[in-house]
Every structure is written in structure tokens, then in C-alpha cells.
Amino acid sequence: TALLSAVFLQQSYTASLPESNHLVLMDRIYVVLYALLVVSLVHVVLQGIRTRRGANHDAAVRGDRISVALQALFFFVAVWWLIRTTS
């Protein structure tokens, strides 16, 4: 759902922009978003494998929280860096 939402949001904003050959800031932010979506999907698959092998529920919850925190931190730092280098 998140991937489809991101794709449709990106297409809706690019439809109103004139054609250009370079990436605008928003395109670069979407690249970061797509990378984090892939990381999230890999994390879900790995957590599913661990759960099937009988992993501890508390360890799984702790892993989810750490993953979310690191991804949020990475996203905000990456967007900050993109804004800073684009201006």
C-alpha cells in the first residue's frame, strides 16, 4: 500500500510540472522514500522468517522499534542533506 501510494503521489505531482531532464528536489526525496520502502519490505520478510523459527515476541517488537527509529532518522537526515545541497 505504501509503495502504491508513493508511486501515485509522485505521478500526480509530476503531471503538473513541465518536462525536464533533471531530477528536482521532490524526485530525490522520492528516491530516498523508495529505498526506505525496500528496506521496510526486507525487514518484514526477515521478521516473518524469524517468527516462523520461533523467535521471541519481545525481541521482534524491539527489532521493529529499532528499525522504525533508524529509518525515520535516516529519512530526516537524508531530506535535510538534500535540501541543504540543493539550495
C-alpha atoms as a PDB file:
ATOM      1  CA  THR A   1       0.000   0.000   0.000  1.00  0.00           C
ATOM      2  CA  ALA A   2       2.787   2.417   0.875  1.00  0.00           C
ATOM      3  CA  LEU A   3       4.597   1.714  -2.392  1.00  0.00           C
ATOM      4  CA  LEU A   4       1.465   2.252  -4.476  1.00  0.00           C
ATOM      5  CA  SER A   5       0.661   5.449  -2.596  1.00  0.00           C
ATOM      6  CA  ALA A   6       4.171   6.786  -3.176  1.00  0.00           C
ATOM      7  CA  VAL A   7       4.062   5.976  -6.891  1.00  0.00           C
ATOM      8  CA  PHE A   8       0.667   7.633  -7.380  1.00  0.00           C
ATOM      9  CA  LEU A   9       1.662  10.698  -5.351  1.00  0.00           C
ATOM     10  CA  GLN A  10       4.825  11.092  -7.398  1.00  0.00           C
ATOM     11  CA  GLN A  11       2.924  10.729 -10.660  1.00  0.00           C
ATOM     12  CA  SER A  12       0.286  13.235  -9.594  1.00  0.00           C
ATOM     13  CA  TYR A  13       2.807  15.962  -8.806  1.00  0.00           C
ATOM     14  CA  THR A  14       4.933  15.314 -11.920  1.00  0.00           C
ATOM     15  CA  ALA A  15       1.871  15.626 -14.145  1.00  0.00           C
ATOM     16  CA  SER A  16       1.630  19.327 -13.260  1.00  0.00           C
ATOM     17  CA  LEU A  17       5.335  20.062 -13.915  1.00  0.00           C
ATOM     18  CA  PRO A  18       6.837  20.871 -17.300  1.00  0.00           C
ATOM     19  CA  GLU A  19       9.046  18.238 -18.932  1.00  0.00           C
ATOM     20  CA  SER A  20      12.684  18.328 -17.808  1.00  0.00           C
ATOM     21  CA  ASN A  21      15.667  16.016 -17.993  1.00  0.00           C
ATOM     22  CA  HIS A  22      16.948  16.515 -14.460  1.00  0.00           C
ATOM     23  CA  LEU A  23      15.690  15.438 -11.068  1.00  0.00           C
ATOM     24  CA  VAL A  24      14.015  18.087  -8.967  1.00  0.00           C
ATOM     25  CA  LEU A  25      14.275  18.032  -5.182  1.00  0.00           C
ATOM     26  CA  MET A  26      10.995  16.180  -4.805  1.00  0.00           C
ATOM     27  CA  ASP A  27      12.228  13.406  -7.143  1.00  0.00           C
ATOM     28  CA  ARG A  28      15.315  12.978  -4.985  1.00  0.00           C
ATOM     29  CA  ILE A  29      13.175  12.757  -1.861  1.00  0.00           C
ATOM     30  CA  TYR A  30      11.096  10.052  -3.549  1.00  0.00           C
ATOM     31  CA  VAL A  31      14.287   8.103  -4.325  1.00  0.00           C
ATOM     32  CA  VAL A  32      15.065   8.115  -0.596  1.00  0.00           C
ATOM     33  CA  LEU A  33      11.485   7.076   0.132  1.00  0.00           C
ATOM     34  CA  TYR A  34      11.623   4.178  -2.341  1.00  0.00           C
ATOM     35  CA  ALA A  35      14.893   2.959  -0.820  1.00  0.00           C
ATOM     36  CA  LEU A  36      13.342   3.011   2.652  1.00  0.00           C
ATOM     37  CA  LEU A  37      10.277   1.169   1.396  1.00  0.00           C
ATOM     38  CA  VAL A  38      12.539  -1.592   0.080  1.00  0.00           C
ATOM     39  CA  VAL A  39      14.338  -1.717   3.446  1.00  0.00           C
ATOM     40  CA  SER A  40      10.968  -1.967   5.204  1.00  0.00           C
ATOM     41  CA  LEU A  41       9.820  -4.800   2.961  1.00  0.00           C
ATOM     42  CA  VAL A  42      13.060  -6.707   3.567  1.00  0.00           C
ATOM     43  CA  HIS A  43      12.625  -6.164   7.311  1.00  0.00           C
ATOM     44  CA  VAL A  44       9.072  -7.549   7.187  1.00  0.00           C
ATOM     45  CA  VAL A  45      10.239 -10.650   5.326  1.00  0.00           C
ATOM     46  CA  LEU A  46      13.091 -11.230   7.779  1.00  0.00           C
ATOM     47  CA  GLN A  47      10.769 -10.771  10.759  1.00  0.00           C
ATOM     48  CA  GLY A  48       8.368 -13.294   9.216  1.00  0.00           C
ATOM     49  CA  ILE A  49      11.186 -15.817   8.873  1.00  0.00           C
ATOM     50  CA  ARG A  50      12.260 -15.237  12.479  1.00  0.00           C
ATOM     51  CA  THR A  51       8.685 -15.642  13.691  1.00  0.00           C
ATOM     52  CA  ARG A  52       8.334 -18.965  11.891  1.00  0.00           C
ATOM     53  CA  ARG A  53      11.515 -20.157  13.547  1.00  0.00           C
ATOM     54  CA  GLY A  54      10.017 -19.340  16.923  1.00  0.00           C
ATOM     55  CA  ALA A  55      11.689 -16.039  17.747  1.00  0.00           C
ATOM     56  CA  ASN A  56      10.834 -14.306  20.984  1.00  0.00           C
ATOM     57  CA  HIS A  57       7.941 -11.817  20.604  1.00  0.00           C
ATOM     58  CA  ASP A  58       9.683  -9.180  22.719  1.00  0.00           C
ATOM     59  CA  ALA A  59      12.791  -9.387  20.538  1.00  0.00           C
ATOM     60  CA  ALA A  60      10.662  -8.957  17.415  1.00  0.00           C
ATOM     61  CA  VAL A  61       8.933  -5.895  18.836  1.00  0.00           C
ATOM     62  CA  ARG A  62      12.286  -4.422  19.877  1.00  0.00           C
ATOM     63  CA  GLY A  63      13.647  -5.058  16.365  1.00  0.00           C
ATOM     64  CA  ASP A  64      10.628  -3.326  14.822  1.00  0.00           C
ATOM     65  CA  ARG A  65      11.047  -0.283  17.044  1.00  0.00           C
ATOM     66  CA  ILE A  66      14.749  -0.006  16.283  1.00  0.00           C
ATOM     67  CA  SER A  67      14.078  -0.377  12.561  1.00  0.00           C
ATOM     68  CA  VAL A  68      11.412   2.341  12.569  1.00  0.00           C
ATOM     69  CA  ALA A  69      13.603   4.709  14.563  1.00  0.00           C
ATOM     70  CA  LEU A  70      16.626   4.202  12.306  1.00  0.00           C
ATOM     71  CA  GLN A  71      14.577   4.588   9.137  1.00  0.00           C
ATOM     72  CA  ALA A  72      12.932   7.781  10.392  1.00  0.00           C
ATOM     73  CA  LEU A  73      16.310   9.192  11.401  1.00  0.00           C
ATOM     74  CA  PHE A  74      17.803   8.273   8.022  1.00  0.00           C
ATOM     75  CA  PHE A  75      14.868   9.829   6.166  1.00  0.00           C
ATOM     76  CA  PHE A  76      15.051  13.139   8.005  1.00  0.00           C
ATOM     77  CA  VAL A  77      18.844  13.355   7.712  1.00  0.00           C
ATOM     78  CA  ALA A  78      18.700  12.486   4.001  1.00  0.00           C
ATOM     79  CA  VAL A  79      15.977  15.061   3.296  1.00  0.00           C
ATOM     80  CA  TRP A  80      17.854  17.687   5.313  1.00  0.00           C
ATOM     81  CA  TRP A  81      21.012  16.924   3.330  1.00  0.00           C
ATOM     82  CA  LEU A  82      19.148  17.057   0.008  1.00  0.00           C
ATOM     83  CA  ILE A  83      17.567  20.406   0.867  1.00  0.00           C
ATOM     84  CA  ARG A  84      20.882  21.796   2.049  1.00  0.00           C
ATOM     85  CA  THR A  85      22.818  20.711  -1.048  1.00  0.00           C
ATOM     86  CA  THR A  86      20.103  21.751  -3.493  1.00  0.00           C
ATOM     87  CA  SER A  87      19.755  25.320  -2.208  1.00  0.00           C
END
